[in-house]
Amino acid sequence: MGFAVGKRQGKSHERNRGRRILKEGFRRLLPWMKEGVWVVASLRSGGMTAGAGEVYYDLARLLGGRGMLAGCWPGPDWECTEAGRKEKP
């Protein structure tokens, strides 16, 4: 998996925040991603101001629409982690 946020996207602290949000979205989807899938993700300026939940939903929509998520994927529920369990608050 690769993450790319270009220098044109803002100052370093803004790019780092964007990269962290992108990584978190993929971290939550990783248990349901099919084996052998290589992904390089780039965050555009609109994603730099988005929240982690919004980026996660966009990633889920894109990966699911291209058949990269396993059939046992529980759906785009932000509170859901591995094996469909809810996260504890």
PDB file of N, CA and C in Angstrom:
ATOM      1  N   MET A   1       0.845  -1.162   0.000  1.00  0.00           N
ATOM      2  CA  MET A   1       0.000   0.000   0.000  1.00  0.00           C
ATOM      3  C   MET A   1       0.897   1.233   0.000  1.00  0.00           C
ATOM      4  N   GLY A   2       0.530   2.205  -0.780  1.00  0.00           N
ATOM      5  CA  GLY A   2       1.301   3.432  -0.850  1.00  0.00           C
ATOM      6  C   GLY A   2       0.408   4.642  -0.661  1.00  0.00           C
ATOM      7  N   PHE A   3       0.939   5.660  -0.019  1.00  0.00           N
ATOM      8  CA  PHE A   3       0.190   6.884   0.239  1.00  0.00           C
ATOM      9  C   PHE A   3       0.986   8.058  -0.303  1.00  0.00           C
ATOM     10  N   ALA A   4       0.328   8.916  -1.057  1.00  0.00           N
ATOM     11  CA  ALA A   4       1.011  10.065  -1.647  1.00  0.00           C
ATOM     12  C   ALA A   4       0.212  11.334  -1.392  1.00  0.00           C
ATOM     13  N   VAL A   5       0.875  12.318  -0.829  1.00  0.00           N
ATOM     14  CA  VAL A   5       0.285  13.640  -0.639  1.00  0.00           C
ATOM     15  C   VAL A   5       1.346  14.628  -1.112  1.00  0.00           C
ATOM     16  N   GLY A   6       1.078  15.302  -2.220  1.00  0.00           N
ATOM     17  CA  GLY A   6       2.061  16.186  -2.839  1.00  0.00           C
ATOM     18  C   GLY A   6       2.285  17.483  -2.083  1.00  0.00           C
ATOM     19  N   LYS A   7       3.402  18.127  -2.366  1.00  0.00           N
ATOM     20  CA  LYS A   7       3.754  19.380  -1.693  1.00  0.00           C
ATOM     21  C   LYS A   7       2.787  20.504  -2.019  1.00  0.00           C
ATOM     22  N   ARG A   8       2.093  20.401  -3.125  1.00  0.00           N
ATOM     23  CA  ARG A   8       1.126  21.440  -3.490  1.00  0.00           C
ATOM     24  C   ARG A   8      -0.122  21.404  -2.610  1.00  0.00           C
ATOM     25  N   GLN A   9      -0.262  20.362  -1.812  1.00  0.00           N
ATOM     26  CA  GLN A   9      -1.452  20.197  -0.987  1.00  0.00           C
ATOM     27  C   GLN A   9      -1.412  21.014   0.296  1.00  0.00           C
ATOM     28  N   GLY A  10      -0.346  21.680   0.575  1.00  0.00           N
ATOM     29  CA  GLY A  10      -0.287  22.510   1.773  1.00  0.00           C
ATOM     30  C   GLY A  10       1.029  22.351   2.500  1.00  0.00           C
ATOM     31  N   LYS A  11       1.070  22.933   3.669  1.00  0.00           N
ATOM     32  CA  LYS A  11       2.277  22.866   4.493  1.00  0.00           C
ATOM     33  C   LYS A  11       2.428  21.456   5.062  1.00  0.00           C
ATOM     34  N   SER A  12       3.588  21.182   5.618  1.00  0.00           N
ATOM     35  CA  SER A  12       3.897  19.817   6.053  1.00  0.00           C
ATOM     36  C   SER A  12       2.910  19.299   7.097  1.00  0.00           C
ATOM     37  N   HIS A  13       2.487  20.138   8.040  1.00  0.00           N
ATOM     38  CA  HIS A  13       1.555  19.653   9.060  1.00  0.00           C
ATOM     39  C   HIS A  13       0.194  19.322   8.447  1.00  0.00           C
ATOM     40  N   GLU A  14      -0.210  20.030   7.399  1.00  0.00           N
ATOM     41  CA  GLU A  14      -1.466  19.723   6.720  1.00  0.00           C
ATOM     42  C   GLU A  14      -1.346  18.418   5.932  1.00  0.00           C
ATOM     43  N   ARG A  15      -0.216  18.227   5.267  1.00  0.00           N
ATOM     44  CA  ARG A  15       0.008  16.993   4.512  1.00  0.00           C
ATOM     45  C   ARG A  15       0.088  15.795   5.449  1.00  0.00           C
ATOM     46  N   ASN A  16       0.740  15.959   6.591  1.00  0.00           N
ATOM     47  CA  ASN A  16       0.843  14.864   7.558  1.00  0.00           C
ATOM     48  C   ASN A  16      -0.527  14.478   8.094  1.00  0.00           C
ATOM     49  N   ARG A  17      -1.373  15.468   8.374  1.00  0.00           N
ATOM     50  CA  ARG A  17      -2.734  15.186   8.830  1.00  0.00           C
ATOM     51  C   ARG A  17      -3.494  14.411   7.760  1.00  0.00           C
ATOM     52  N   GLY A  18      -3.382  14.853   6.514  1.00  0.00           N
ATOM     53  CA  GLY A  18      -4.045  14.158   5.416  1.00  0.00           C
ATOM     54  C   GLY A  18      -3.567  12.729   5.264  1.00  0.00           C
ATOM     55  N   ARG A  19      -2.271  12.521   5.393  1.00  0.00           N
ATOM     56  CA  ARG A  19      -1.707  11.173   5.284  1.00  0.00           C
ATOM     57  C   ARG A  19      -2.194  10.292   6.428  1.00  0.00           C
ATOM     58  N   ARG A  20      -2.265  10.844   7.644  1.00  0.00           N
ATOM     59  CA  ARG A  20      -2.759  10.072   8.791  1.00  0.00           C
ATOM     60  C   ARG A  20      -4.209   9.652   8.591  1.00  0.00           C
ATOM     61  N   ILE A  21      -5.031  10.568   8.079  1.00  0.00           N
ATOM     62  CA  ILE A  21      -6.442  10.261   7.845  1.00  0.00           C
ATOM     63  C   ILE A  21      -6.577   9.181   6.774  1.00  0.00           C
ATOM     64  N   LEU A  22      -5.789   9.271   5.728  1.00  0.00           N
ATOM     65  CA  LEU A  22      -5.807   8.281   4.659  1.00  0.00           C
ATOM     66  C   LEU A  22      -5.388   6.909   5.188  1.00  0.00           C
ATOM     67  N   LYS A  23      -4.335   6.870   5.994  1.00  0.00           N
ATOM     68  CA  LYS A  23      -3.873   5.607   6.575  1.00  0.00           C
ATOM     69  C   LYS A  23      -4.928   5.000   7.494  1.00  0.00           C
ATOM     70  N   GLU A  24      -5.622   5.830   8.262  1.00  0.00           N
ATOM     71  CA  GLU A  24      -6.654   5.324   9.170  1.00  0.00           C
ATOM     72  C   GLU A  24      -7.802   4.696   8.388  1.00  0.00           C
ATOM     73  N   GLY A  25      -8.199   5.320   7.300  1.00  0.00           N
ATOM     74  CA  GLY A  25      -9.255   4.743   6.471  1.00  0.00           C
ATOM     75  C   GLY A  25      -8.861   3.382   5.930  1.00  0.00           C
ATOM     76  N   PHE A  26      -7.638   3.259   5.446  1.00  0.00           N
ATOM     77  CA  PHE A  26      -7.168   1.970   4.935  1.00  0.00           C
ATOM     78  C   PHE A  26      -7.000   0.961   6.058  1.00  0.00           C
ATOM     79  N   ARG A  27      -6.562   1.414   7.228  1.00  0.00           N
ATOM     80  CA  ARG A  27      -6.391   0.492   8.357  1.00  0.00           C
ATOM     81  C   ARG A  27      -7.706  -0.182   8.710  1.00  0.00           C
ATOM     82  N   ARG A  28      -8.791   0.580   8.672  1.00  0.00           N
ATOM     83  CA  ARG A  28     -10.099   0.019   9.002  1.00  0.00           C
ATOM     84  C   ARG A  28     -10.627  -0.911   7.910  1.00  0.00           C
ATOM     85  N   LEU A  29     -10.215  -0.707   6.677  1.00  0.00           N
ATOM     86  CA  LEU A  29     -10.673  -1.549   5.570  1.00  0.00           C
ATOM     87  C   LEU A  29      -9.761  -2.745   5.310  1.00  0.00           C
ATOM     88  N   LEU A  30      -8.548  -2.719   5.810  1.00  0.00           N
ATOM     89  CA  LEU A  30      -7.557  -3.748   5.515  1.00  0.00           C
ATOM     90  C   LEU A  30      -8.025  -5.180   5.813  1.00  0.00           C
ATOM     91  N   PRO A  31      -8.725  -5.451   6.929  1.00  0.00           N
ATOM     92  CA  PRO A  31      -9.141  -6.838   7.181  1.00  0.00           C
ATOM     93  C   PRO A  31     -10.058  -7.408   6.096  1.00  0.00           C
ATOM     94  N   TRP A  32     -10.724  -6.556   5.341  1.00  0.00           N
ATOM     95  CA  TRP A  32     -11.666  -7.029   4.323  1.00  0.00           C
ATOM     96  C   TRP A  32     -11.149  -6.860   2.899  1.00  0.00           C
ATOM     97  N   MET A  33      -9.947  -6.352   2.740  1.00  0.00           N
ATOM     98  CA  MET A  33      -9.399  -6.214   1.387  1.00  0.00           C
ATOM     99  C   MET A  33      -8.940  -7.577   0.890  1.00  0.00           C
ATOM    100  N   LYS A  34      -9.181  -7.837  -0.380  1.00  0.00           N
ATOM    101  CA  LYS A  34      -8.785  -9.109  -0.973  1.00  0.00           C
ATOM    102  C   LYS A  34      -7.268  -9.217  -1.027  1.00  0.00           C
ATOM    103  N   GLU A  35      -6.780 -10.457  -0.961  1.00  0.00           N
ATOM    104  CA  GLU A  35      -5.343 -10.722  -1.028  1.00  0.00           C
ATOM    105  C   GLU A  35      -4.808 -10.361  -2.408  1.00  0.00           C
ATOM    106  N   GLY A  36      -3.584  -9.902  -2.449  1.00  0.00           N
ATOM    107  CA  GLY A  36      -2.925  -9.619  -3.710  1.00  0.00           C
ATOM    108  C   GLY A  36      -3.295  -8.295  -4.348  1.00  0.00           C
ATOM    109  N   VAL A  37      -3.987  -7.439  -3.617  1.00  0.00           N
ATOM    110  CA  VAL A  37      -4.379  -6.133  -4.147  1.00  0.00           C
ATOM    111  C   VAL A  37      -3.313  -5.111  -3.775  1.00  0.00           C
ATOM    112  N   TRP A  38      -2.831  -4.394  -4.755  1.00  0.00           N
ATOM    113  CA  TRP A  38      -1.869  -3.313  -4.533  1.00  0.00           C
ATOM    114  C   TRP A  38      -2.590  -2.006  -4.749  1.00  0.00           C
ATOM    115  N   VAL A  39      -2.456  -1.087  -3.813  1.00  0.00           N
ATOM    116  CA  VAL A  39      -3.164   0.188  -3.895  1.00  0.00           C
ATOM    117  C   VAL A  39      -2.186   1.329  -3.620  1.00  0.00           C
ATOM    118  N   VAL A  40      -2.251   2.345  -4.453  1.00  0.00           N
ATOM    119  CA  VAL A  40      -1.538   3.596  -4.196  1.00  0.00           C
ATOM    120  C   VAL A  40      -2.606   4.675  -4.129  1.00  0.00           C
ATOM    121  N   ALA A  41      -2.699   5.361  -3.012  1.00  0.00           N
ATOM    122  CA  ALA A  41      -3.739   6.365  -2.801  1.00  0.00           C
ATOM    123  C   ALA A  41      -3.124   7.751  -2.727  1.00  0.00           C
ATOM    124  N   SER A  42      -3.773   8.681  -3.373  1.00  0.00           N
ATOM    125  CA  SER A  42      -3.339  10.072  -3.364  1.00  0.00           C
ATOM    126  C   SER A  42      -4.487  10.925  -2.845  1.00  0.00           C
ATOM    127  N   LEU A  43      -4.197  11.793  -1.926  1.00  0.00           N
ATOM    128  CA  LEU A  43      -5.215  12.650  -1.332  1.00  0.00           C
ATOM    129  C   LEU A  43      -5.195  14.004  -2.017  1.00  0.00           C
ATOM    130  N   ARG A  44      -6.331  14.408  -2.524  1.00  0.00           N
ATOM    131  CA  ARG A  44      -6.430  15.704  -3.196  1.00  0.00           C
ATOM    132  C   ARG A  44      -6.810  16.783  -2.195  1.00  0.00           C
ATOM    133  N   SER A  45      -6.866  18.021  -2.669  1.00  0.00           N
ATOM    134  CA  SER A  45      -7.096  19.155  -1.773  1.00  0.00           C
ATOM    135  C   SER A  45      -8.428  19.055  -1.034  1.00  0.00           C
ATOM    136  N   GLY A  46      -9.465  18.519  -1.655  1.00  0.00           N
ATOM    137  CA  GLY A  46     -10.749  18.366  -0.974  1.00  0.00           C
ATOM    138  C   GLY A  46     -10.664  17.415   0.205  1.00  0.00           C
ATOM    139  N   GLY A  47      -9.836  16.399   0.084  1.00  0.00           N
ATOM    140  CA  GLY A  47      -9.659  15.435   1.160  1.00  0.00           C
ATOM    141  C   GLY A  47      -8.838  15.962   2.314  1.00  0.00           C
ATOM    142  N   MET A  48      -8.082  17.011   2.072  1.00  0.00           N
ATOM    143  CA  MET A  48      -7.246  17.577   3.130  1.00  0.00           C
ATOM    144  C   MET A  48      -8.093  18.212   4.230  1.00  0.00           C
ATOM    145  N   THR A  49      -9.272  18.688   3.891  1.00  0.00           N
ATOM    146  CA  THR A  49     -10.140  19.322   4.884  1.00  0.00           C
ATOM    147  C   THR A  49     -11.225  18.376   5.379  1.00  0.00           C
ATOM    148  N   ALA A  50     -11.331  17.194   4.778  1.00  0.00           N
ATOM    149  CA  ALA A  50     -12.359  16.227   5.168  1.00  0.00           C
ATOM    150  C   ALA A  50     -11.966  15.530   6.463  1.00  0.00           C
ATOM    151  N   GLY A  51     -12.963  14.998   7.129  1.00  0.00           N
ATOM    152  CA  GLY A  51     -12.721  14.229   8.336  1.00  0.00           C
ATOM    153  C   GLY A  51     -12.380  12.788   8.006  1.00  0.00           C
ATOM    154  N   ALA A  52     -11.932  12.045   9.012  1.00  0.00           N
ATOM    155  CA  ALA A  52     -11.530  10.656   8.802  1.00  0.00           C
ATOM    156  C   ALA A  52     -12.706   9.800   8.345  1.00  0.00           C
ATOM    157  N   GLY A  53     -13.882  10.048   8.880  1.00  0.00           N
ATOM    158  CA  GLY A  53     -15.061   9.281   8.479  1.00  0.00           C
ATOM    159  C   GLY A  53     -15.409   9.476   7.016  1.00  0.00           C
ATOM    160  N   GLU A  54     -15.319  10.702   6.549  1.00  0.00           N
ATOM    161  CA  GLU A  54     -15.619  10.993   5.142  1.00  0.00           C
ATOM    162  C   GLU A  54     -14.635  10.307   4.208  1.00  0.00           C
ATOM    163  N   VAL A  55     -13.356  10.341   4.555  1.00  0.00           N
ATOM    164  CA  VAL A  55     -12.340   9.688   3.727  1.00  0.00           C
ATOM    165  C   VAL A  55     -12.561   8.180   3.736  1.00  0.00           C
ATOM    166  N   TYR A  56     -12.900   7.615   4.896  1.00  0.00           N
ATOM    167  CA  TYR A  56     -13.185   6.182   5.005  1.00  0.00           C
ATOM    168  C   TYR A  56     -14.350   5.794   4.098  1.00  0.00           C
ATOM    169  N   TYR A  57     -15.436   6.548   4.137  1.00  0.00           N
ATOM    170  CA  TYR A  57     -16.600   6.232   3.304  1.00  0.00           C
ATOM    171  C   TYR A  57     -16.257   6.313   1.822  1.00  0.00           C
ATOM    172  N   ASP A  58     -15.454   7.291   1.432  1.00  0.00           N
ATOM    173  CA  ASP A  58     -15.037   7.398   0.032  1.00  0.00           C
ATOM    174  C   ASP A  58     -14.171   6.209  -0.377  1.00  0.00           C
ATOM    175  N   LEU A  59     -13.231   5.829   0.482  1.00  0.00           N
ATOM    176  CA  LEU A  59     -12.392   4.669   0.189  1.00  0.00           C
ATOM    177  C   LEU A  59     -13.230   3.401   0.080  1.00  0.00           C
ATOM    178  N   ALA A  60     -14.170   3.228   1.012  1.00  0.00           N
ATOM    179  CA  ALA A  60     -15.027   2.045   0.990  1.00  0.00           C
ATOM    180  C   ALA A  60     -15.849   1.992  -0.292  1.00  0.00           C
ATOM    181  N   ARG A  61     -16.376   3.123  -0.712  1.00  0.00           N
ATOM    182  CA  ARG A  61     -17.175   3.177  -1.939  1.00  0.00           C
ATOM    183  C   ARG A  61     -16.317   2.837  -3.153  1.00  0.00           C
ATOM    184  N   LEU A  62     -15.128   3.424  -3.224  1.00  0.00           N
ATOM    185  CA  LEU A  62     -14.243   3.182  -4.365  1.00  0.00           C
ATOM    186  C   LEU A  62     -13.750   1.736  -4.421  1.00  0.00           C
ATOM    187  N   LEU A  63     -13.261   1.218  -3.298  1.00  0.00           N
ATOM    188  CA  LEU A  63     -12.742  -0.149  -3.280  1.00  0.00           C
ATOM    189  C   LEU A  63     -13.852  -1.176  -3.472  1.00  0.00           C
ATOM    190  N   GLY A  64     -14.997  -0.939  -2.839  1.00  0.00           N
ATOM    191  CA  GLY A  64     -16.122  -1.860  -2.994  1.00  0.00           C
ATOM    192  C   GLY A  64     -16.657  -1.880  -4.411  1.00  0.00           C
ATOM    193  N   GLY A  65     -16.722  -0.729  -5.039  1.00  0.00           N
ATOM    194  CA  GLY A  65     -17.214  -0.641  -6.407  1.00  0.00           C
ATOM    195  C   GLY A  65     -16.302  -1.310  -7.418  1.00  0.00           C
ATOM    196  N   ARG A  66     -15.054  -1.487  -7.069  1.00  0.00           N
ATOM    197  CA  ARG A  66     -14.099  -2.134  -7.974  1.00  0.00           C
ATOM    198  C   ARG A  66     -13.829  -3.582  -7.587  1.00  0.00           C
ATOM    199  N   GLY A  67     -14.608  -4.103  -6.637  1.00  0.00           N
ATOM    200  CA  GLY A  67     -14.483  -5.507  -6.252  1.00  0.00           C
ATOM    201  C   GLY A  67     -13.237  -5.841  -5.462  1.00  0.00           C
ATOM    202  N   MET A  68     -12.681  -4.883  -4.752  1.00  0.00           N
ATOM    203  CA  MET A  68     -11.457  -5.127  -3.989  1.00  0.00           C
ATOM    204  C   MET A  68     -11.724  -5.504  -2.537  1.00  0.00           C
ATOM    205  N   LEU A  69     -12.990  -5.508  -2.123  1.00  0.00           N
ATOM    206  CA  LEU A  69     -13.329  -5.884  -0.756  1.00  0.00           C
ATOM    207  C   LEU A  69     -13.968  -7.266  -0.761  1.00  0.00           C
ATOM    208  N   ALA A  70     -13.679  -8.049   0.270  1.00  0.00           N
ATOM    209  CA  ALA A  70     -14.194  -9.409   0.370  1.00  0.00           C
ATOM    210  C   ALA A  70     -15.707  -9.410   0.562  1.00  0.00           C
ATOM    211  N   GLY A  71     -16.324 -10.536   0.244  1.00  0.00           N
ATOM    212  CA  GLY A  71     -17.774 -10.663   0.355  1.00  0.00           C
ATOM    213  C   GLY A  71     -18.289 -10.570   1.779  1.00  0.00           C
ATOM    214  N   CYS A  72     -17.440 -10.844   2.771  1.00  0.00           N
ATOM    215  CA  CYS A  72     -17.868 -10.799   4.171  1.00  0.00           C
ATOM    216  C   CYS A  72     -17.774  -9.398   4.759  1.00  0.00           C
ATOM    217  N   TRP A  73     -17.458  -8.393   3.932  1.00  0.00           N
ATOM    218  CA  TRP A  73     -17.339  -7.018   4.406  1.00  0.00           C
ATOM    219  C   TRP A  73     -18.685  -6.553   4.952  1.00  0.00           C
ATOM    220  N   PRO A  74     -18.744  -6.020   6.184  1.00  0.00           N
ATOM    221  CA  PRO A  74     -20.022  -5.660   6.805  1.00  0.00           C
ATOM    222  C   PRO A  74     -20.648  -4.368   6.293  1.00  0.00           C
ATOM    223  N   GLY A  75     -19.981  -3.654   5.423  1.00  0.00           N
ATOM    224  CA  GLY A  75     -20.530  -2.398   4.922  1.00  0.00           C
ATOM    225  C   GLY A  75     -19.796  -1.209   5.502  1.00  0.00           C
ATOM    226  N   PRO A  76     -20.100  -0.028   4.992  1.00  0.00           N
ATOM    227  CA  PRO A  76     -19.344   1.165   5.406  1.00  0.00           C
ATOM    228  C   PRO A  76     -19.769   1.708   6.766  1.00  0.00           C
ATOM    229  N   ASP A  77     -19.570   0.918   7.812  1.00  0.00           N
ATOM    230  CA  ASP A  77     -19.900   1.340   9.168  1.00  0.00           C
ATOM    231  C   ASP A  77     -18.610   1.777   9.852  1.00  0.00           C
ATOM    232  N   TRP A  78     -18.496   3.054  10.165  1.00  0.00           N
ATOM    233  CA  TRP A  78     -17.272   3.607  10.761  1.00  0.00           C
ATOM    234  C   TRP A  78     -16.951   2.952  12.091  1.00  0.00           C
ATOM    235  N   GLU A  79     -17.958   2.517  12.832  1.00  0.00           N
ATOM    236  CA  GLU A  79     -17.744   1.945  14.160  1.00  0.00           C
ATOM    237  C   GLU A  79     -17.345   0.477  14.112  1.00  0.00           C
ATOM    238  N   CYS A  80     -17.350  -0.134  12.966  1.00  0.00           N
ATOM    239  CA  CYS A  80     -17.100  -1.559  12.833  1.00  0.00           C
ATOM    240  C   CYS A  80     -15.614  -1.828  12.628  1.00  0.00           C
ATOM    241  N   THR A  81     -15.093  -2.849  13.303  1.00  0.00           N
ATOM    242  CA  THR A  81     -13.692  -3.239  13.128  1.00  0.00           C
ATOM    243  C   THR A  81     -13.646  -4.678  12.625  1.00  0.00           C
ATOM    244  N   GLU A  82     -12.542  -5.367  12.834  1.00  0.00           N
ATOM    245  CA  GLU A  82     -12.381  -6.733  12.344  1.00  0.00           C
ATOM    246  C   GLU A  82     -13.530  -7.632  12.778  1.00  0.00           C
ATOM    247  N   ALA A  83     -13.900  -8.543  11.904  1.00  0.00           N
ATOM    248  CA  ALA A  83     -14.928  -9.554  12.148  1.00  0.00           C
ATOM    249  C   ALA A  83     -16.283  -8.945  12.469  1.00  0.00           C
ATOM    250  N   GLY A  84     -16.518  -7.702  12.088  1.00  0.00           N
ATOM    251  CA  GLY A  84     -17.828  -7.092  12.247  1.00  0.00           C
ATOM    252  C   GLY A  84     -18.170  -6.638  13.651  1.00  0.00           C
ATOM    253  N   ARG A  85     -17.207  -6.656  14.558  1.00  0.00           N
ATOM    254  CA  ARG A  85     -17.488  -6.232  15.932  1.00  0.00           C
ATOM    255  C   ARG A  85     -17.455  -4.721  16.032  1.00  0.00           C
ATOM    256  N   LYS A  86     -18.262  -4.187  16.909  1.00  0.00           N
ATOM    257  CA  LYS A  86     -18.271  -2.744  17.158  1.00  0.00           C
ATOM    258  C   LYS A  86     -17.115  -2.388  18.078  1.00  0.00           C
ATOM    259  N   GLU A  87     -16.535  -1.210  17.833  1.00  0.00           N
ATOM    260  CA  GLU A  87     -15.465  -0.729  18.709  1.00  0.00           C
ATOM    261  C   GLU A  87     -16.046  -0.313  20.048  1.00  0.00           C
ATOM    262  N   LYS A  88     -15.281  -0.512  21.090  1.00  0.00           N
ATOM    263  CA  LYS A  88     -15.704  -0.063  22.416  1.00  0.00           C
ATOM    264  C   LYS A  88     -15.391   1.418  22.547  1.00  0.00           C
ATOM    265  N   PRO A  89     -16.301   2.195  23.156  1.00  0.00           N
ATOM    266  CA  PRO A  89     -16.045   3.646  23.301  1.00  0.00           C
ATOM    267  C   PRO A  89     -14.908   3.957  24.234  1.00  0.00           C
TER     268      PRO A  89
END
